[in-house]
C-alpha atoms as a PDB file:
ATOM      1  CA  MET A   1      -2.103   2.293 -22.352  1.00  0.00           C
ATOM      2  CA  ASP A   2       1.283   3.558 -22.333  1.00  0.00           C
ATOM      3  CA  ILE A   3       3.013   4.226 -19.085  1.00  0.00           C
ATOM      4  CA  ALA A   4       6.173   6.559 -18.723  1.00  0.00           C
ATOM      5  CA  LEU A   5       8.972   4.742 -16.274  1.00  0.00           C
ATOM      6  CA  ASP A   6      11.964   6.614 -14.955  1.00  0.00           C
ATOM      7  CA  SER A   7      15.117   5.106 -15.905  1.00  0.00           C
ATOM      8  CA  GLN A   8      15.516   3.034 -12.661  1.00  0.00           C
ATOM      9  CA  THR A   9      12.177   1.892 -12.430  1.00  0.00           C
ATOM     10  CA  GLU A  10      12.132   0.327 -16.071  1.00  0.00           C
ATOM     11  CA  ALA A  11      15.657  -1.299 -15.149  1.00  0.00           C
ATOM     12  CA  PHE A  12      14.306  -2.866 -12.023  1.00  0.00           C
ATOM     13  CA  LEU A  13      10.838  -3.928 -13.949  1.00  0.00           C
ATOM     14  CA  ASP A  14      13.443  -5.402 -16.843  1.00  0.00           C
ATOM     15  CA  GLN A  15      15.533  -7.236 -14.167  1.00  0.00           C
ATOM     16  CA  ALA A  16      12.375  -8.509 -12.662  1.00  0.00           C
ATOM     17  CA  VAL A  17      11.625 -10.105 -15.760  1.00  0.00           C
ATOM     18  CA  LYS A  18      14.697 -11.407 -16.758  1.00  0.00           C
ATOM     19  CA  THR A  19      14.921 -13.149 -13.964  1.00  0.00           C
ATOM     20  CA  GLY A  20      11.831 -14.802 -14.288  1.00  0.00           C
ATOM     21  CA  ARG A  21      10.174 -12.990 -10.938  1.00  0.00           C
ATOM     22  CA  PHE A  22       7.302 -12.051 -13.740  1.00  0.00           C
ATOM     23  CA  ALA A  23       6.405 -12.983 -16.777  1.00  0.00           C
ATOM     24  CA  SER A  24       5.920  -9.853 -18.412  1.00  0.00           C
ATOM     25  CA  PRO A  25       6.256  -5.963 -17.751  1.00  0.00           C
ATOM     26  CA  SER A  26       2.493  -6.031 -17.430  1.00  0.00           C
ATOM     27  CA  ALA A  27       2.133  -9.091 -15.102  1.00  0.00           C
ATOM     28  CA  ALA A  28       4.595  -7.196 -12.906  1.00  0.00           C
ATOM     29  CA  VAL A  29       2.589  -4.155 -13.469  1.00  0.00           C
ATOM     30  CA  GLU A  30      -1.036  -5.811 -12.310  1.00  0.00           C
ATOM     31  CA  ALA A  31       1.037  -7.530  -9.151  1.00  0.00           C
ATOM     32  CA  GLY A  32       2.085  -3.958  -8.101  1.00  0.00           C
ATOM     33  CA  ILE A  33      -1.716  -2.363  -8.484  1.00  0.00           C
ATOM     34  CA  ARG A  34      -3.013  -5.573  -6.522  1.00  0.00           C
ATOM     35  CA  LEU A  35      -0.610  -4.095  -3.734  1.00  0.00           C
ATOM     36  CA  LEU A  36      -1.794  -0.752  -4.251  1.00  0.00           C
ATOM     37  CA  GLN A  37      -5.336  -2.352  -3.859  1.00  0.00           C
ATOM     38  CA  GLU A  38      -4.660  -4.309  -1.059  1.00  0.00           C
ATOM     39  CA  ARG A  39      -3.030  -1.513   0.921  1.00  0.00           C
ATOM     40  CA  GLU A  40      -5.888   1.125   0.037  1.00  0.00           C
ATOM     41  CA  ARG A  41      -8.355  -1.689   1.170  1.00  0.00           C
ATOM     42  CA  ALA A  42      -6.006  -1.635   4.650  1.00  0.00           C
ATOM     43  CA  TRP A  43      -6.334   1.993   4.999  1.00  0.00           C
ATOM     44  CA  SER A  44     -10.321   2.233   4.591  1.00  0.00           C
ATOM     45  CA  GLU A  45     -11.040  -0.490   6.735  1.00  0.00           C
ATOM     46  CA  LEU A  46      -8.789   1.480   9.510  1.00  0.00           C
ATOM     47  CA  ARG A  47     -10.513   4.885   8.436  1.00  0.00           C
ATOM     48  CA  GLN A  48     -14.037   2.983   9.206  1.00  0.00           C
ATOM     49  CA  SER A  49     -12.327   1.631  12.380  1.00  0.00           C
ATOM     50  CA  ILE A  50     -11.457   4.398  13.850  1.00  0.00           C
ATOM     51  CA  GLN A  51     -15.105   6.218  12.749  1.00  0.00           C
ATOM     52  CA  GLU A  52     -16.722   3.252  14.747  1.00  0.00           C
ATOM     53  CA  ALA A  53     -14.767   3.932  17.673  1.00  0.00           C
ATOM     54  CA  ILE A  54     -15.800   7.495  17.445  1.00  0.00           C
ATOM     55  CA  ALA A  55     -19.300   6.893  16.831  1.00  0.00           C
ATOM     56  CA  ASP A  56     -19.041   4.304  19.935  1.00  0.00           C
ATOM     57  CA  GLY A  57     -18.036   7.321  22.279  1.00  0.00           C
ATOM     58  CA  GLY A  58     -14.186   6.310  21.689  1.00  0.00           C
ATOM     59  CA  GLU A  59     -12.076   9.317  22.495  1.00  0.00           C
ATOM     60  CA  LEU A  60      -8.636   9.770  21.326  1.00  0.00           C
ATOM     61  CA  SER A  61      -6.159  12.766  21.176  1.00  0.00           C
ATOM     62  CA  GLU A  62      -4.840  14.289  18.119  1.00  0.00           C
ATOM     63  CA  GLU A  63      -1.575  13.001  19.307  1.00  0.00           C
ATOM     64  CA  GLU A  64      -3.137   9.482  19.798  1.00  0.00           C
ATOM     65  CA  LEU A  65      -4.668   9.356  16.268  1.00  0.00           C
ATOM     66  CA  ASP A  66      -1.515  10.592  14.622  1.00  0.00           C
ATOM     67  CA  ALA A  67       0.396   7.841  16.884  1.00  0.00           C
ATOM     68  CA  ALA A  68      -2.298   5.215  15.708  1.00  0.00           C
ATOM     69  CA  LEU A  69      -2.255   5.554  12.340  1.00  0.00           C
ATOM     70  CA  GLU A  70       1.699   5.893  12.424  1.00  0.00           C
ATOM     71  CA  GLU A  71       2.088   2.446  13.831  1.00  0.00           C
ATOM     72  CA  THR A  72      -0.610   0.847  11.599  1.00  0.00           C
ATOM     73  CA  PHE A  73       1.258   2.785   8.139  1.00  0.00           C
ATOM     74  CA  GLN A  74       4.181   1.156   9.655  1.00  0.00           C
ATOM     75  CA  GLN A  75       2.894  -2.443   9.564  1.00  0.00           C
ATOM     76  CA  LEU A  76       1.281  -2.015   6.404  1.00  0.00           C
ATOM     77  CA  GLU A  77       5.219  -1.133   5.279  1.00  0.00           C
ATOM     78  CA  ARG A  78       6.684  -4.073   7.015  1.00  0.00           C
ATOM     79  CA  GLU A  79       3.986  -6.457   5.586  1.00  0.00           C
ATOM     80  CA  GLY A  80       5.035  -5.246   1.969  1.00  0.00           C
ATOM     81  CA  TYR A  81       1.806  -2.668   1.007  1.00  0.00           C
END
């Protein structure tokens, strides 16, 4: 598989390999994909929790839902997702 990267991303990737953070560009890309998978899993769990709360009779206004989603998104970013 070939992947096209912009110059800034390619330079970042090269530096990560040169400094020994990753053994190869492929290892770095795989680590990035694992993070993306974990982030998607966390979002899926959040959506499921919200659906369960609604099904159980929980009521949230659109504003409350937006605030809860934004808070969760910020938490995921702080955790590096």
